[in-house]
Amino acid sequence: NIWESFRDKHEENIDPISDKEGLPNLDTN
């Protein structure tokens, strides 16, 4: 119960922020 609650809260709060980041820029000096 604790794990699933922790996981669901993480997915609800953090995943949208990660999704907005897009791909990293590796072509940089």
PDB file of all heavy atoms in Angstrom:
ATOM      1  N   ASN A   1       0.821  -1.208   0.000  1.00  0.00           N
ATOM      2  CA  ASN A   1       0.000   0.000   0.000  1.00  0.00           C
ATOM      3  C   ASN A   1       0.857   1.262   0.000  1.00  0.00           C
ATOM      4  O   ASN A   1       0.591   2.222  -0.733  1.00  0.00           O
ATOM      5  CB  ASN A   1      -0.944   0.002   1.202  1.00  0.00           C
ATOM      6  CG  ASN A   1      -2.016  -1.067   1.099  1.00  0.00           C
ATOM      7  OD1 ASN A   1      -2.376  -1.490  -0.003  1.00  0.00           O
ATOM      8  ND2 ASN A   1      -2.514  -1.515   2.239  1.00  0.00           N
ATOM      9  N   ILE A   2       1.889   1.253   0.850  1.00  0.00           N
ATOM     10  CA  ILE A   2       2.756   2.425   0.922  1.00  0.00           C
ATOM     11  C   ILE A   2       3.503   2.607  -0.388  1.00  0.00           C
ATOM     12  O   ILE A   2       3.606   3.726  -0.907  1.00  0.00           O
ATOM     13  CB  ILE A   2       3.746   2.295   2.100  1.00  0.00           C
ATOM     14  CG1 ILE A   2       2.990   2.375   3.423  1.00  0.00           C
ATOM     15  CG2 ILE A   2       4.812   3.391   2.033  1.00  0.00           C
ATOM     16  CD1 ILE A   2       3.862   2.166   4.648  1.00  0.00           C
ATOM     17  N   TRP A   3       4.018   1.507  -0.948  1.00  0.00           N
ATOM     18  CA  TRP A   3       4.770   1.608  -2.200  1.00  0.00           C
ATOM     19  C   TRP A   3       3.892   2.148  -3.332  1.00  0.00           C
ATOM     20  O   TRP A   3       4.294   3.061  -4.067  1.00  0.00           O
ATOM     21  CB  TRP A   3       5.354   0.266  -2.615  1.00  0.00           C
ATOM     22  CG  TRP A   3       5.895   0.317  -4.021  1.00  0.00           C
ATOM     23  CD1 TRP A   3       5.365  -0.247  -5.134  1.00  0.00           C
ATOM     24  CD2 TRP A   3       7.026   1.085  -4.459  1.00  0.00           C
ATOM     25  NE1 TRP A   3       6.100   0.096  -6.243  1.00  0.00           N
ATOM     26  CE2 TRP A   3       7.123   0.900  -5.863  1.00  0.00           C
ATOM     27  CE3 TRP A   3       7.952   1.888  -3.817  1.00  0.00           C
ATOM     28  CZ2 TRP A   3       8.123   1.510  -6.618  1.00  0.00           C
ATOM     29  CZ3 TRP A   3       8.946   2.486  -4.565  1.00  0.00           C
ATOM     30  CH2 TRP A   3       9.033   2.299  -5.942  1.00  0.00           C
ATOM     31  N   GLU A   4       2.695   1.595  -3.480  1.00  0.00           N
ATOM     32  CA  GLU A   4       1.831   2.015  -4.587  1.00  0.00           C
ATOM     33  C   GLU A   4       1.400   3.467  -4.428  1.00  0.00           C
ATOM     34  O   GLU A   4       1.296   4.204  -5.418  1.00  0.00           O
ATOM     35  CB  GLU A   4       0.627   1.083  -4.691  1.00  0.00           C
ATOM     36  CG  GLU A   4       1.019  -0.320  -5.184  1.00  0.00           C
ATOM     37  CD  GLU A   4      -0.170  -1.247  -5.341  1.00  0.00           C
ATOM     38  OE1 GLU A   4      -1.271  -0.901  -4.837  1.00  0.00           O
ATOM     39  OE2 GLU A   4      -0.006  -2.318  -5.959  1.00  0.00           O
ATOM     40  N   SER A   5       1.171   3.889  -3.199  1.00  0.00           N
ATOM     41  CA  SER A   5       0.832   5.295  -2.958  1.00  0.00           C
ATOM     42  C   SER A   5       2.014   6.198  -3.294  1.00  0.00           C
ATOM     43  O   SER A   5       1.854   7.243  -3.938  1.00  0.00           O
ATOM     44  CB  SER A   5       0.428   5.478  -1.489  1.00  0.00           C
ATOM     45  OG  SER A   5       0.238   6.844  -1.186  1.00  0.00           O
ATOM     46  N   PHE A   6       3.206   5.804  -2.862  1.00  0.00           N
ATOM     47  CA  PHE A   6       4.437   6.558  -3.154  1.00  0.00           C
ATOM     48  C   PHE A   6       4.675   6.632  -4.662  1.00  0.00           C
ATOM     49  O   PHE A   6       4.967   7.707  -5.208  1.00  0.00           O
ATOM     50  CB  PHE A   6       5.608   5.883  -2.450  1.00  0.00           C
ATOM     51  CG  PHE A   6       6.956   6.484  -2.761  1.00  0.00           C
ATOM     52  CD1 PHE A   6       7.328   7.715  -2.235  1.00  0.00           C
ATOM     53  CD2 PHE A   6       7.864   5.817  -3.585  1.00  0.00           C
ATOM     54  CE1 PHE A   6       8.567   8.283  -2.524  1.00  0.00           C
ATOM     55  CE2 PHE A   6       9.101   6.365  -3.877  1.00  0.00           C
ATOM     56  CZ  PHE A   6       9.452   7.598  -3.340  1.00  0.00           C
ATOM     57  N   ARG A   7       4.536   5.509  -5.335  1.00  0.00           N
ATOM     58  CA  ARG A   7       4.732   5.464  -6.788  1.00  0.00           C
ATOM     59  C   ARG A   7       3.722   6.332  -7.521  1.00  0.00           C
ATOM     60  O   ARG A   7       4.089   7.106  -8.420  1.00  0.00           O
ATOM     61  CB  ARG A   7       4.606   4.011  -7.268  1.00  0.00           C
ATOM     62  CG  ARG A   7       4.730   3.810  -8.772  1.00  0.00           C
ATOM     63  CD  ARG A   7       4.087   2.502  -9.192  1.00  0.00           C
ATOM     64  NE  ARG A   7       2.649   2.512  -8.911  1.00  0.00           N
ATOM     65  CZ  ARG A   7       1.908   1.408  -8.795  1.00  0.00           C
ATOM     66  NH1 ARG A   7       2.461   0.218  -8.908  1.00  0.00           N
ATOM     67  NH2 ARG A   7       0.606   1.501  -8.563  1.00  0.00           N
ATOM     68  N   ASP A   8       2.454   6.215  -7.145  1.00  0.00           N
ATOM     69  CA  ASP A   8       1.410   6.981  -7.835  1.00  0.00           C
ATOM     70  C   ASP A   8       1.599   8.484  -7.636  1.00  0.00           C
ATOM     71  O   ASP A   8       1.409   9.276  -8.576  1.00  0.00           O
ATOM     72  CB  ASP A   8       0.026   6.558  -7.329  1.00  0.00           C
ATOM     73  CG  ASP A   8      -0.330   5.122  -7.727  1.00  0.00           C
ATOM     74  OD1 ASP A   8       0.376   4.556  -8.587  1.00  0.00           O
ATOM     75  OD2 ASP A   8      -1.292   4.575  -7.157  1.00  0.00           O
ATOM     76  N   LYS A   9       1.967   8.882  -6.421  1.00  0.00           N
ATOM     77  CA  LYS A   9       2.203  10.314  -6.156  1.00  0.00           C
ATOM     78  C   LYS A   9       3.388  10.823  -6.979  1.00  0.00           C
ATOM     79  O   LYS A   9       3.360  11.940  -7.507  1.00  0.00           O
ATOM     80  CB  LYS A   9       2.448  10.524  -4.659  1.00  0.00           C
ATOM     81  CG  LYS A   9       2.659  11.975  -4.235  1.00  0.00           C
ATOM     82  CD  LYS A   9       1.405  12.809  -4.433  1.00  0.00           C
ATOM     83  CE  LYS A   9       0.326  12.475  -3.434  1.00  0.00           C
ATOM     84  NZ  LYS A   9       0.611  12.903  -2.064  1.00  0.00           N
ATOM     85  N   HIS A  10       4.418   9.997  -7.118  1.00  0.00           N
ATOM     86  CA  HIS A  10       5.578  10.375  -7.916  1.00  0.00           C
ATOM     87  C   HIS A  10       5.187  10.545  -9.390  1.00  0.00           C
ATOM     88  O   HIS A  10       5.552  11.545 -10.030  1.00  0.00           O
ATOM     89  CB  HIS A  10       6.663   9.300  -7.800  1.00  0.00           C
ATOM     90  CG  HIS A  10       7.948   9.648  -8.503  1.00  0.00           C
ATOM     91  ND1 HIS A  10       8.990  10.282  -7.877  1.00  0.00           N
ATOM     92  CD2 HIS A  10       8.346   9.483  -9.800  1.00  0.00           C
ATOM     93  CE1 HIS A  10       9.974  10.485  -8.742  1.00  0.00           C
ATOM     94  NE2 HIS A  10       9.599  10.002  -9.911  1.00  0.00           N
ATOM     95  N   GLU A  11       4.461   9.602  -9.902  1.00  0.00           N
ATOM     96  CA  GLU A  11       4.049   9.669 -11.311  1.00  0.00           C
ATOM     97  C   GLU A  11       3.133  10.861 -11.565  1.00  0.00           C
ATOM     98  O   GLU A  11       3.214  11.509 -12.614  1.00  0.00           O
ATOM     99  CB  GLU A  11       3.356   8.361 -11.717  1.00  0.00           C
ATOM    100  CG  GLU A  11       4.311   7.168 -11.757  1.00  0.00           C
ATOM    101  CD  GLU A  11       3.611   5.862 -12.077  1.00  0.00           C
ATOM    102  OE1 GLU A  11       2.349   5.858 -12.108  1.00  0.00           O
ATOM    103  OE2 GLU A  11       4.300   4.849 -12.291  1.00  0.00           O
ATOM    104  N   GLU A  12       2.293  11.165 -10.597  1.00  0.00           N
ATOM    105  CA  GLU A  12       1.369  12.299 -10.732  1.00  0.00           C
ATOM    106  C   GLU A  12       2.110  13.631 -10.734  1.00  0.00           C
ATOM    107  O   GLU A  12       1.791  14.528 -11.527  1.00  0.00           O
ATOM    108  CB  GLU A  12       0.357  12.253  -9.583  1.00  0.00           C
ATOM    109  CG  GLU A  12      -0.600  13.434  -9.559  1.00  0.00           C
ATOM    110  CD  GLU A  12      -1.476  13.449  -8.312  1.00  0.00           C
ATOM    111  OE1 GLU A  12      -1.508  12.425  -7.592  1.00  0.00           O
ATOM    112  OE2 GLU A  12      -2.101  14.492  -8.046  1.00  0.00           O
ATOM    113  N   ASN A  13       3.128  13.763  -9.879  1.00  0.00           N
ATOM    114  CA  ASN A  13       3.805  15.044  -9.706  1.00  0.00           C
ATOM    115  C   ASN A  13       5.038  15.234 -10.586  1.00  0.00           C
ATOM    116  O   ASN A  13       5.291  16.331 -11.076  1.00  0.00           O
ATOM    117  CB  ASN A  13       4.229  15.208  -8.241  1.00  0.00           C
ATOM    118  CG  ASN A  13       3.051  15.412  -7.310  1.00  0.00           C
ATOM    119  OD1 ASN A  13       2.001  15.902  -7.711  1.00  0.00           O
ATOM    120  ND2 ASN A  13       3.208  15.014  -6.061  1.00  0.00           N
ATOM    121  N   ILE A  14       5.825  14.183 -10.755  1.00  0.00           N
ATOM    122  CA  ILE A  14       7.130  14.318 -11.394  1.00  0.00           C
ATOM    123  C   ILE A  14       7.102  14.019 -12.888  1.00  0.00           C
ATOM    124  O   ILE A  14       7.748  14.715 -13.683  1.00  0.00           O
ATOM    125  CB  ILE A  14       8.166  13.406 -10.708  1.00  0.00           C
ATOM    126  CG1 ILE A  14       8.180  13.660  -9.197  1.00  0.00           C
ATOM    127  CG2 ILE A  14       9.551  13.624 -11.311  1.00  0.00           C
ATOM    128  CD1 ILE A  14       8.480  15.096  -8.808  1.00  0.00           C
ATOM    129  N   ASP A  15       6.351  13.005 -13.286  1.00  0.00           N
ATOM    130  CA  ASP A  15       6.354  12.616 -14.703  1.00  0.00           C
ATOM    131  C   ASP A  15       5.961  13.759 -15.643  1.00  0.00           C
ATOM    132  O   ASP A  15       6.580  13.933 -16.705  1.00  0.00           O
ATOM    133  CB  ASP A  15       5.441  11.410 -14.927  1.00  0.00           C
ATOM    134  CG  ASP A  15       6.069  10.118 -14.399  1.00  0.00           C
ATOM    135  OD1 ASP A  15       7.190  10.204 -13.844  1.00  0.00           O
ATOM    136  OD2 ASP A  15       5.454   9.043 -14.531  1.00  0.00           O
ATOM    137  N   PRO A  16       4.939  14.570 -15.308  1.00  0.00           N
ATOM    138  CA  PRO A  16       4.597  15.690 -16.206  1.00  0.00           C
ATOM    139  C   PRO A  16       5.754  16.675 -16.389  1.00  0.00           C
ATOM    140  O   PRO A  16       5.935  17.242 -17.473  1.00  0.00           O
ATOM    141  CB  PRO A  16       3.407  16.353 -15.510  1.00  0.00           C
ATOM    142  CG  PRO A  16       2.796  15.274 -14.680  1.00  0.00           C
ATOM    143  CD  PRO A  16       3.964  14.457 -14.199  1.00  0.00           C
ATOM    144  N   ILE A  17       6.538  16.890 -15.330  1.00  0.00           N
ATOM    145  CA  ILE A  17       7.684  17.802 -15.420  1.00  0.00           C
ATOM    146  C   ILE A  17       8.755  17.203 -16.326  1.00  0.00           C
ATOM    147  O   ILE A  17       9.340  17.897 -17.168  1.00  0.00           O
ATOM    148  CB  ILE A  17       8.248  18.083 -14.018  1.00  0.00           C
ATOM    149  CG1 ILE A  17       7.195  18.799 -13.160  1.00  0.00           C
ATOM    150  CG2 ILE A  17       9.523  18.926 -14.103  1.00  0.00           C
ATOM    151  CD1 ILE A  17       7.585  18.966 -11.704  1.00  0.00           C
ATOM    152  N   SER A  18       9.000  15.909 -16.184  1.00  0.00           N
ATOM    153  CA  SER A  18       9.977  15.229 -17.037  1.00  0.00           C
ATOM    154  C   SER A  18       9.542  15.256 -18.494  1.00  0.00           C
ATOM    155  O   SER A  18      10.365  15.471 -19.396  1.00  0.00           O
ATOM    156  CB  SER A  18      10.161  13.774 -16.581  1.00  0.00           C
ATOM    157  OG  SER A  18      10.638  13.713 -15.258  1.00  0.00           O
ATOM    158  N   ASP A  19       8.243  15.039 -18.729  1.00  0.00           N
ATOM    159  CA  ASP A  19       7.730  14.992 -20.105  1.00  0.00           C
ATOM    160  C   ASP A  19       7.900  16.332 -20.824  1.00  0.00           C
ATOM    161  O   ASP A  19       8.072  16.371 -22.045  1.00  0.00           O
ATOM    162  CB  ASP A  19       6.259  14.583 -20.102  1.00  0.00           C
ATOM    163  CG  ASP A  19       6.053  13.142 -19.641  1.00  0.00           C
ATOM    164  OD1 ASP A  19       7.041  12.374 -19.653  1.00  0.00           O
ATOM    165  OD2 ASP A  19       4.921  12.803 -19.245  1.00  0.00           O
ATOM    166  N   LYS A  20       7.842  17.430 -20.070  1.00  0.00           N
ATOM    167  CA  LYS A  20       7.961  18.755 -20.677  1.00  0.00           C
ATOM    168  C   LYS A  20       9.398  19.110 -21.057  1.00  0.00           C
ATOM    169  O   LYS A  20       9.632  20.050 -21.827  1.00  0.00           O
ATOM    170  CB  LYS A  20       7.414  19.827 -19.732  1.00  0.00           C
ATOM    171  CG  LYS A  20       5.896  19.814 -19.590  1.00  0.00           C
ATOM    172  CD  LYS A  20       5.439  20.914 -18.636  1.00  0.00           C
ATOM    173  CE  LYS A  20       3.925  20.902 -18.474  1.00  0.00           C
ATOM    174  NZ  LYS A  20       3.464  21.950 -17.525  1.00  0.00           N
ATOM    175  N   GLU A  21      10.364  18.368 -20.526  1.00  0.00           N
ATOM    176  CA  GLU A  21      11.768  18.709 -20.762  1.00  0.00           C
ATOM    177  C   GLU A  21      12.189  18.527 -22.212  1.00  0.00           C
ATOM    178  O   GLU A  21      13.003  19.278 -22.733  1.00  0.00           O
ATOM    179  CB  GLU A  21      12.677  17.830 -19.893  1.00  0.00           C
ATOM    180  CG  GLU A  21      12.785  18.267 -18.459  1.00  0.00           C
ATOM    181  CD  GLU A  21      13.862  17.501 -17.745  1.00  0.00           C
ATOM    182  OE1 GLU A  21      13.786  16.251 -17.698  1.00  0.00           O
ATOM    183  OE2 GLU A  21      14.797  18.144 -17.228  1.00  0.00           O
ATOM    184  N   GLY A  22      11.655  17.505 -22.855  1.00  0.00           N
ATOM    185  CA  GLY A  22      12.124  17.207 -24.205  1.00  0.00           C
ATOM    186  C   GLY A  22      13.480  16.528 -24.182  1.00  0.00           C
ATOM    187  O   GLY A  22      13.995  16.154 -23.125  1.00  0.00           O
ATOM    188  N   LEU A  23      14.093  16.382 -25.348  1.00  0.00           N
ATOM    189  CA  LEU A  23      15.381  15.695 -25.450  1.00  0.00           C
ATOM    190  C   LEU A  23      16.528  16.621 -25.041  1.00  0.00           C
ATOM    191  O   LEU A  23      16.474  17.823 -25.282  1.00  0.00           O
ATOM    192  CB  LEU A  23      15.600  15.206 -26.885  1.00  0.00           C
ATOM    193  CG  LEU A  23      14.596  14.154 -27.389  1.00  0.00           C
ATOM    194  CD1 LEU A  23      14.836  13.851 -28.868  1.00  0.00           C
ATOM    195  CD2 LEU A  23      14.688  12.877 -26.563  1.00  0.00           C
ATOM    196  N   PRO A  24      17.574  16.060 -24.422  1.00  0.00           N
ATOM    197  CA  PRO A  24      18.721  16.891 -24.035  1.00  0.00           C
ATOM    198  C   PRO A  24      19.527  17.325 -25.251  1.00  0.00           C
ATOM    199  O   PRO A  24      19.557  16.634 -26.265  1.00  0.00           O
ATOM    200  CB  PRO A  24      19.547  15.959 -23.140  1.00  0.00           C
ATOM    201  CG  PRO A  24      19.200  14.583 -23.618  1.00  0.00           C
ATOM    202  CD  PRO A  24      17.757  14.649 -24.023  1.00  0.00           C
ATOM    203  N   ASN A  25      20.179  18.470 -25.135  1.00  0.00           N
ATOM    204  CA  ASN A  25      21.024  18.976 -26.216  1.00  0.00           C
ATOM    205  C   ASN A  25      22.466  18.524 -25.987  1.00  0.00           C
ATOM    206  O   ASN A  25      23.146  19.023 -25.090  1.00  0.00           O
ATOM    207  CB  ASN A  25      20.947  20.505 -26.262  1.00  0.00           C
ATOM    208  CG  ASN A  25      21.884  21.093 -27.301  1.00  0.00           C
ATOM    209  OD1 ASN A  25      22.239  20.415 -28.272  1.00  0.00           O
ATOM    210  ND2 ASN A  25      22.287  22.331 -27.123  1.00  0.00           N
ATOM    211  N   LEU A  26      22.924  17.569 -26.792  1.00  0.00           N
ATOM    212  CA  LEU A  26      24.295  17.070 -26.666  1.00  0.00           C
ATOM    213  C   LEU A  26      25.241  17.758 -27.641  1.00  0.00           C
ATOM    214  O   LEU A  26      26.449  17.534 -27.608  1.00  0.00           O
ATOM    215  CB  LEU A  26      24.335  15.555 -26.898  1.00  0.00           C
ATOM    216  CG  LEU A  26      23.446  14.705 -25.974  1.00  0.00           C
ATOM    217  CD1 LEU A  26      23.666  13.223 -26.260  1.00  0.00           C
ATOM    218  CD2 LEU A  26      23.706  15.000 -24.510  1.00  0.00           C
ATOM    219  N   ASP A  27      24.687  18.590 -28.514  1.00  0.00           N
ATOM    220  CA  ASP A  27      25.512  19.298 -29.494  1.00  0.00           C
ATOM    221  C   ASP A  27      25.855  20.682 -28.948  1.00  0.00           C
ATOM    222  O   ASP A  27      25.257  21.688 -29.307  1.00  0.00           O
ATOM    223  CB  ASP A  27      24.751  19.411 -30.821  1.00  0.00           C
ATOM    224  CG  ASP A  27      25.618  20.020 -31.920  1.00  0.00           C
ATOM    225  OD1 ASP A  27      26.858  20.013 -31.753  1.00  0.00           O
ATOM    226  OD2 ASP A  27      25.058  20.496 -32.922  1.00  0.00           O
ATOM    227  N   THR A  28      26.811  20.708 -28.044  1.00  0.00           N
ATOM    228  CA  THR A  28      27.173  21.954 -27.375  1.00  0.00           C
ATOM    229  C   THR A  28      28.662  21.956 -27.087  1.00  0.00           C
ATOM    230  O   THR A  28      29.282  20.886 -26.990  1.00  0.00           O
ATOM    231  CB  THR A  28      26.389  22.104 -26.051  1.00  0.00           C
ATOM    232  OG1 THR A  28      26.878  23.218 -25.321  1.00  0.00           O
ATOM    233  CG2 THR A  28      26.514  20.866 -25.192  1.00  0.00           C
ATOM    234  N   ASN A  29      29.238  23.123 -26.960  1.00  0.00           N
ATOM    235  CA  ASN A  29      30.678  23.210 -26.717  1.00  0.00           C
ATOM    236  C   ASN A  29      31.064  22.771 -25.311  1.00  0.00           C
ATOM    237  O   ASN A  29      32.179  22.299 -25.081  1.00  0.00           O
ATOM    238  CB  ASN A  29      31.160  24.652 -26.951  1.00  0.00           C
ATOM    239  CG  ASN A  29      31.116  25.038 -28.412  1.00  0.00           C
ATOM    240  OD1 ASN A  29      31.290  24.190 -29.286  1.00  0.00           O
ATOM    241  ND2 ASN A  29      30.862  26.305 -28.695  1.00  0.00           N
TER     242      ASN A  29
END
